[in-house]
């Protein structure tokens, strides 16, 4: 028996006796109780009631691969070569990078209920609770070289902002890879994007796009994250996790098919329209150097244009971090 087996059985939010859970999974009541004790560490809260048994409070909606595929268009199903749905994994991005090493990876999507080694830009970790996030990665091979992929992570930001806008969630984009929302307490991070590339400058090259979205977060989880954070459950109670993943697969396949032909310019104006700091004062951290400027838009390569004094400077995503000034 795994913890995931137990969570899936209890995802209906109803009470289940320890005896019934053990009978379903084929273990003793004692074994069930030991697994129940592990759930708090995964961001889940269990209520126990004498005579009723146990139930999950605010239970997650597990990924259901068949439902996700059924919601795809015929074209997307033809391009999707494999959908992996993992209960627990180190990193969905690493999984697909390894698949490329095995001669696969193109047109493949990996989802995970929980990640033990999720990561973001500049090696930062990505917090995970079982069923509380969307951990999504898609692999794609481009016949052109790495240089043709400039601005790809920003194009991903555009399609995610547009998808969530259709769900009634207004997304603002922080260069180069953060998805932000406005809350009564100010801006908060809803998710992020990580693009990893392998290959030659002349091509071909393999790309894995990772997108992490907070669906729901426990109070314990929020307290352990050292930045303002938001979850979709705070913003809209009606968003289906499985339906959103289907829409993400659809949108990413359409974007990736087009990106190699057009590059980032086809998405530049839409990105600039969502740019949270456009024409606002920002502070730029570049190694040990800190400077202030006014953020402008991004150019055709996805570089951020910043007015620093009388100069217009361009920064690439790997060089800098930025913060808004009060």
Protein backbone atom coordinates (compact mmCIF):
# COMPACT_ATOMS: atom_id res chain seq x y z
CA UNK A 1 0.00 0.00 0.00
CA UNK A 2 1.22 3.50 -0.81
CA UNK A 3 0.13 6.81 0.66
CA UNK A 4 -1.22 7.69 -2.78
CA UNK A 5 -3.53 4.65 -2.72
CA UNK A 6 -4.97 5.88 0.56
CA UNK A 7 -5.39 9.46 -0.68
CA UNK A 8 -7.22 8.33 -3.81
CA UNK A 9 -9.62 6.23 -1.75
CA UNK A 10 -10.33 9.18 0.55
CA UNK A 11 -10.53 11.85 -2.15
CA UNK A 12 -14.35 11.74 -2.01
CA UNK A 13 -14.24 13.64 1.31
CA UNK A 14 -16.47 11.05 3.03
CA UNK A 15 -15.73 9.20 6.27
CA UNK A 16 -14.05 5.81 5.92
CA UNK A 17 -13.42 3.41 8.77
CA UNK A 18 -9.91 2.11 9.27
CA UNK A 19 -11.25 -1.40 8.77
CA UNK A 20 -12.89 -0.51 5.44
CA UNK A 21 -9.78 1.27 4.18
CA UNK A 22 -7.64 -1.70 5.14
CA UNK A 23 -10.01 -4.08 3.39
CA UNK A 24 -9.95 -1.99 0.18
CA UNK A 25 -6.17 -1.80 0.10
CA UNK A 26 -5.45 -5.23 1.55
CA UNK A 27 -3.61 -4.23 4.74
CA UNK A 28 -4.29 -4.12 8.47
CA UNK A 29 -5.97 -1.24 10.33
CA UNK A 30 -2.63 -0.58 12.01
CA UNK A 31 -0.94 -0.16 8.62
CA UNK A 32 -3.69 2.24 7.56
CA UNK A 33 -3.21 4.30 10.72
CA UNK A 34 0.53 4.55 10.10
CA UNK A 35 -0.08 5.85 6.57
CA UNK A 36 -2.68 8.32 7.81
CA UNK A 37 -0.05 9.87 10.07
CA UNK A 38 2.06 10.66 7.01
CA UNK A 39 -0.61 12.74 5.29
CA UNK A 40 -0.02 15.91 7.30
CA UNK A 41 3.52 16.06 5.94
CA UNK A 42 2.03 16.10 2.43
CA UNK A 43 -0.14 19.14 3.21
CA UNK A 44 -3.33 17.14 3.86
CA UNK A 45 -5.55 17.34 6.92
CA UNK A 46 -7.31 14.25 8.31
CA UNK A 47 -10.37 14.45 10.59
CA UNK A 48 -11.05 11.50 12.88
CA UNK A 49 -14.51 10.92 14.39
CA UNK A 50 -15.42 8.15 16.80
CA UNK A 51 -17.82 5.73 15.20
CA UNK A 52 -17.32 7.27 11.72
CA UNK A 53 -13.68 6.78 10.91
CA UNK A 54 -11.46 9.18 8.99
CA UNK A 55 -11.94 11.71 6.23
CA UNK A 56 -9.82 14.22 4.35
CA UNK A 57 -10.67 17.87 4.83
CA UNK A 58 -10.46 19.77 1.55
CA UNK A 59 -9.46 16.62 -0.33
CA UNK A 60 -7.47 16.92 -3.56
CA UNK A 61 -8.90 15.98 -6.95
CA UNK A 62 -6.41 13.41 -8.30
CA UNK A 63 -5.21 13.53 -11.88
CA UNK A 64 -7.19 11.18 -14.12
CA UNK A 65 -5.27 10.48 -17.32
CA UNK A 66 -8.25 9.10 -19.24
CA UNK A 67 -10.32 12.23 -18.51
CA UNK A 68 -7.45 14.52 -19.48
CA UNK A 69 -6.96 12.80 -22.86
CA UNK A 70 -10.72 12.63 -23.51
CA UNK A 71 -10.92 16.44 -23.27
CA UNK A 72 -8.25 16.98 -25.95
CA UNK A 73 -9.02 17.82 -29.55
CA UNK A 74 -8.28 15.23 -32.20
CA UNK A 75 -5.23 17.21 -33.33
CA UNK A 76 -3.78 17.41 -29.82
CA UNK A 77 -4.32 13.67 -29.26
CA UNK A 78 -2.43 12.97 -32.48
CA UNK A 79 0.55 15.05 -31.29
CA UNK A 80 0.53 13.72 -27.73
CA UNK A 81 2.75 10.65 -27.85
CA UNK A 82 2.61 9.72 -24.18
CA UNK A 83 1.00 11.07 -21.01
CA UNK A 84 2.70 10.04 -17.78
CA UNK A 85 0.73 10.55 -14.56
CA UNK A 86 2.94 9.93 -11.54
CA UNK A 87 1.89 9.88 -7.90
CA UNK A 88 5.36 10.84 -6.69
CA UNK A 89 8.43 11.93 -8.61
CA UNK A 90 11.62 13.89 -8.12
CA UNK A 91 10.94 16.37 -10.93
CA UNK A 92 8.68 16.17 -13.97
CA UNK A 93 11.25 18.16 -15.96
CA UNK A 94 14.06 15.78 -15.04
CA UNK A 95 11.84 12.82 -15.97
CA UNK A 96 11.34 14.12 -19.53
CA UNK A 97 14.98 15.17 -19.90
CA UNK A 98 15.87 11.57 -19.08
CA UNK A 99 13.31 10.39 -21.65
CA UNK A 100 15.13 12.41 -24.31
CA UNK A 101 18.30 10.62 -23.26
CA UNK A 102 16.51 7.37 -24.05
CA UNK A 103 15.50 8.50 -27.54
CA UNK A 104 11.94 9.51 -26.57
CA UNK A 105 10.54 12.71 -25.00
CA UNK A 106 9.09 14.55 -28.00
CA UNK A 107 5.37 15.17 -27.64
CA UNK A 108 5.36 13.65 -24.16
CA UNK A 109 3.75 15.15 -21.05
CA UNK A 110 4.51 14.28 -17.44
CA UNK A 111 2.26 15.18 -14.50
CA UNK A 112 2.88 14.48 -10.84
CA UNK A 113 0.72 14.67 -7.75
CA UNK A 114 3.79 15.41 -5.64
CA UNK A 115 7.40 16.39 -6.36
CA UNK A 116 10.30 15.85 -4.00
CA UNK A 117 12.85 17.83 -6.03
CA UNK A 118 10.86 20.37 -8.03
CA UNK A 119 12.87 23.39 -9.00
CA UNK A 120 12.50 26.80 -10.54
CA UNK A 121 14.74 29.36 -12.13
CA UNK A 122 18.29 29.75 -10.81
CA UNK A 123 18.01 26.45 -8.95
CA UNK A 124 15.33 27.55 -6.51
CA UNK A 125 13.09 24.82 -5.10
CA UNK A 126 9.37 24.61 -5.87
CA UNK A 127 7.13 23.76 -2.91
CA UNK A 128 4.80 20.78 -3.35
CA UNK A 129 1.81 19.30 -1.54
CA UNK A 130 0.13 16.08 -2.70
CA UNK A 131 -2.57 17.08 -5.18
CA UNK A 132 -2.16 20.73 -4.24
CA UNK A 133 -0.34 21.82 -7.38
CA UNK A 134 -0.19 21.22 -11.08
CA UNK A 135 3.29 19.88 -11.83
CA UNK A 136 3.33 19.84 -15.62
CA UNK A 137 6.14 19.24 -18.11
CA UNK A 138 6.05 18.82 -21.88
CA UNK A 139 8.91 17.73 -24.12
CA UNK A 140 9.48 18.93 -27.68
CA UNK A 141 12.23 18.59 -30.26
CA UNK A 142 13.10 21.55 -32.49
CA UNK A 143 15.05 20.99 -35.66
CA UNK A 144 16.51 24.50 -35.42
CA UNK A 145 19.24 25.41 -32.96
CA UNK A 146 19.10 26.80 -29.46
CA UNK A 147 19.20 30.39 -30.72
CA UNK A 148 15.74 29.98 -32.28
CA UNK A 149 14.25 29.44 -28.82
CA UNK A 150 14.80 32.96 -27.50
CA UNK A 151 11.71 34.12 -25.64
CA UNK A 152 10.13 30.66 -25.41
CA UNK A 153 9.50 30.87 -21.66
CA UNK A 154 7.75 34.22 -22.19
CA UNK A 155 5.50 32.68 -24.86
CA UNK A 156 4.57 30.03 -22.30
CA UNK A 157 3.67 32.82 -19.89
CA UNK A 158 1.35 34.34 -22.49
CA UNK A 159 -0.57 31.14 -23.13
CA UNK A 160 -0.90 30.45 -19.40
CA UNK A 161 -2.16 33.99 -18.77
CA UNK A 162 -4.73 33.59 -21.54
CA UNK A 163 -5.85 30.15 -20.35
CA UNK A 164 -6.37 31.35 -16.80
CA UNK A 165 -8.09 34.51 -18.01
CA UNK A 166 -10.68 32.23 -19.62
CA UNK A 167 -11.25 30.83 -16.12
CA UNK A 168 -11.79 34.31 -14.69
CA UNK A 169 -8.30 34.66 -13.18
CA UNK A 170 -6.41 37.82 -14.14
CA UNK A 171 -2.72 36.95 -14.52
CA UNK A 172 0.14 39.44 -14.58
CA UNK A 173 3.53 38.36 -15.86
CA UNK A 174 6.77 39.08 -14.08
CA UNK A 175 9.79 38.80 -16.35
CA UNK A 176 10.99 36.27 -17.15
CA UNK A 177 8.94 33.40 -15.74
CA UNK A 178 6.51 34.20 -12.89
CA UNK A 179 2.71 34.12 -12.96
CA UNK A 180 1.31 36.70 -10.52
CA UNK A 181 -2.14 37.68 -9.29
CA UNK A 182 -3.39 40.70 -7.37
CA UNK A 183 -4.72 39.96 -3.88
CA UNK A 184 -6.01 42.26 -1.11
CA UNK A 185 -2.50 42.09 0.38
CA UNK A 186 -0.75 42.92 -2.92
CA UNK A 187 0.86 40.87 -5.67
CA UNK A 188 1.30 37.15 -5.03
CA UNK A 189 2.88 34.33 -6.99
CA UNK A 190 0.49 31.76 -8.44
CA UNK A 191 3.02 29.78 -10.44
CA UNK A 192 6.18 29.71 -12.45
CA UNK A 193 7.81 28.43 -15.62
CA UNK A 194 11.10 26.62 -16.16
CA UNK A 195 12.41 25.88 -19.67
CA UNK A 196 15.40 23.55 -20.01
CA UNK A 197 17.19 22.96 -23.32
CA UNK A 198 19.63 20.37 -24.58
CA UNK A 199 21.20 20.24 -28.02
CA UNK A 200 23.52 21.93 -30.48
CA UNK A 201 23.69 25.55 -31.47
CA UNK A 202 22.95 24.49 -35.06
CA UNK A 203 20.21 22.05 -34.07
CA UNK A 204 18.41 19.88 -33.43
CA UNK A 205 17.65 20.61 -29.78
CA UNK A 206 15.34 19.17 -27.16
CA UNK A 207 13.22 21.35 -24.90
CA UNK A 208 11.37 20.55 -21.69
CA UNK A 209 8.88 23.17 -20.52
CA UNK A 210 7.88 22.92 -16.88
CA UNK A 211 4.90 24.81 -15.44
CA UNK A 212 4.00 24.79 -11.76
CA UNK A 213 0.64 26.15 -10.59
CA UNK A 214 -0.64 26.33 -7.01
CA UNK A 215 -4.12 24.83 -6.82
CA UNK A 216 -4.58 24.79 -3.06
CA UNK A 217 -2.14 25.22 -0.20
CA UNK A 218 -2.39 24.37 3.49
CA UNK A 219 -1.78 27.04 6.10
CA UNK A 220 1.34 25.16 7.12
CA UNK A 221 2.59 25.24 3.55
CA UNK A 222 1.92 28.95 3.13
CA UNK A 223 3.76 29.73 6.35
CA UNK A 224 6.87 27.97 5.09
CA UNK A 225 7.13 29.94 1.82
CA UNK A 226 9.10 33.15 2.10
CA UNK A 227 7.17 35.22 -0.43
CA UNK A 228 3.54 36.25 -1.04
CA UNK A 229 1.79 33.28 -2.61
CA UNK A 230 -1.66 32.51 -4.00
CA UNK A 231 -3.59 29.41 -5.04
CA UNK A 232 -6.33 28.96 -7.63
CA UNK A 233 -8.74 27.76 -4.94
CA UNK A 234 -8.47 31.24 -3.39
CA UNK A 235 -9.51 32.84 -6.67
CA UNK A 236 -12.06 30.49 -8.22
CA UNK A 237 -13.77 27.49 -6.68
CA UNK A 238 -14.98 26.15 -10.02
CA UNK A 239 -11.72 25.37 -11.82
CA UNK A 240 -11.26 21.67 -12.59
CA UNK A 241 -7.66 20.57 -12.20
CA UNK A 242 -8.02 17.87 -14.88
CA UNK A 243 -9.80 20.18 -17.33
CA UNK A 244 -7.12 22.84 -16.85
CA UNK A 245 -4.36 20.32 -17.60
CA UNK A 246 -6.18 19.30 -20.80
CA UNK A 247 -6.30 22.95 -21.84
CA UNK A 248 -2.60 23.34 -21.00
CA UNK A 249 -1.63 20.39 -23.19
CA UNK A 250 -3.74 21.75 -26.04
CA UNK A 251 -2.32 25.28 -25.79
CA UNK A 252 1.30 24.17 -25.45
CA UNK A 253 1.12 21.89 -28.49
CA UNK A 254 -0.40 24.67 -30.60
CA UNK A 255 2.21 27.16 -29.41
CA UNK A 256 5.17 24.83 -29.92
CA UNK A 257 4.10 23.95 -33.45
CA UNK A 258 4.02 27.63 -34.33
CA UNK A 259 7.01 28.87 -32.35
CA UNK A 260 9.69 27.32 -34.54
CA UNK A 261 8.19 29.11 -37.56
CA UNK A 262 7.65 32.56 -36.04
CA UNK A 263 9.82 32.83 -32.94
CA UNK A 264 8.83 35.01 -30.02
CA UNK A 265 7.70 38.12 -31.97
CA UNK A 266 4.26 36.56 -32.46
CA UNK A 267 3.77 36.67 -28.66
CA UNK A 268 5.74 39.82 -27.76
CA UNK A 269 2.88 42.33 -27.75
CA UNK A 270 0.64 39.98 -25.77
CA UNK A 271 3.40 39.50 -23.20
CA UNK A 272 3.94 43.24 -22.88
CA UNK A 273 0.20 43.72 -22.31
CA UNK A 274 0.46 41.50 -19.19
CA UNK A 275 3.82 42.88 -17.97
CA UNK A 276 3.32 43.71 -14.29
CA UNK A 277 6.21 46.20 -14.04
CA UNK A 278 5.93 47.96 -17.38
CA UNK A 279 6.85 51.65 -16.99
CA UNK A 280 7.36 51.11 -13.27
CA UNK A 281 10.45 51.52 -11.11
CA UNK A 282 12.35 48.30 -10.52
CA UNK A 283 15.54 47.19 -8.81
CA UNK A 284 17.84 44.94 -10.83
CA UNK A 285 20.14 42.38 -9.20
CA UNK A 286 22.97 41.26 -11.46
CA UNK A 287 25.57 39.26 -9.56
CA UNK A 288 26.88 41.63 -6.90
CA UNK A 289 25.60 44.68 -8.76
CA UNK A 290 22.33 46.37 -7.84
CA UNK A 291 20.85 49.16 -9.95
CA UNK A 292 17.54 50.98 -10.28
CA UNK A 293 15.65 51.68 -13.48
CA UNK A 294 12.31 51.88 -15.20
CA UNK A 295 11.08 48.65 -16.79
CA UNK A 296 9.86 48.97 -20.35
CA UNK A 297 8.70 46.11 -22.55
CA UNK A 298 10.53 43.11 -23.96
CA UNK A 299 12.09 42.95 -27.41
CA UNK A 300 11.72 40.31 -30.13
CA UNK A 301 14.21 38.04 -28.37
CA UNK A 302 12.45 38.30 -25.01
CA UNK A 303 15.11 40.54 -23.49
CA UNK A 304 13.86 43.01 -20.89
CA UNK A 305 14.36 46.67 -21.85
CA UNK A 306 15.13 48.90 -18.88
CA UNK A 307 15.74 52.65 -18.77
CA UNK A 308 18.72 53.18 -16.50
CA UNK A 309 19.44 56.89 -16.34
CA UNK A 310 19.72 58.07 -19.94
CA UNK A 311 20.44 54.59 -21.28
CA UNK A 312 18.20 51.84 -22.61
CA UNK A 313 19.66 48.54 -21.45
CA UNK A 314 18.67 45.01 -22.38
CA UNK A 315 18.86 42.08 -19.99
CA UNK A 316 18.55 38.34 -20.65
CA UNK A 317 16.76 35.98 -18.29
CA UNK A 318 19.87 34.20 -17.11
CA UNK A 319 21.60 37.39 -16.05
CA UNK A 320 19.37 39.10 -13.54
CA UNK A 321 16.60 39.08 -11.00
CA UNK A 322 14.33 42.04 -10.48
CA UNK A 323 11.98 43.43 -7.88
CA UNK A 324 9.44 46.20 -8.01
CA UNK A 325 10.26 49.33 -6.05
CA UNK A 326 7.77 50.68 -3.51
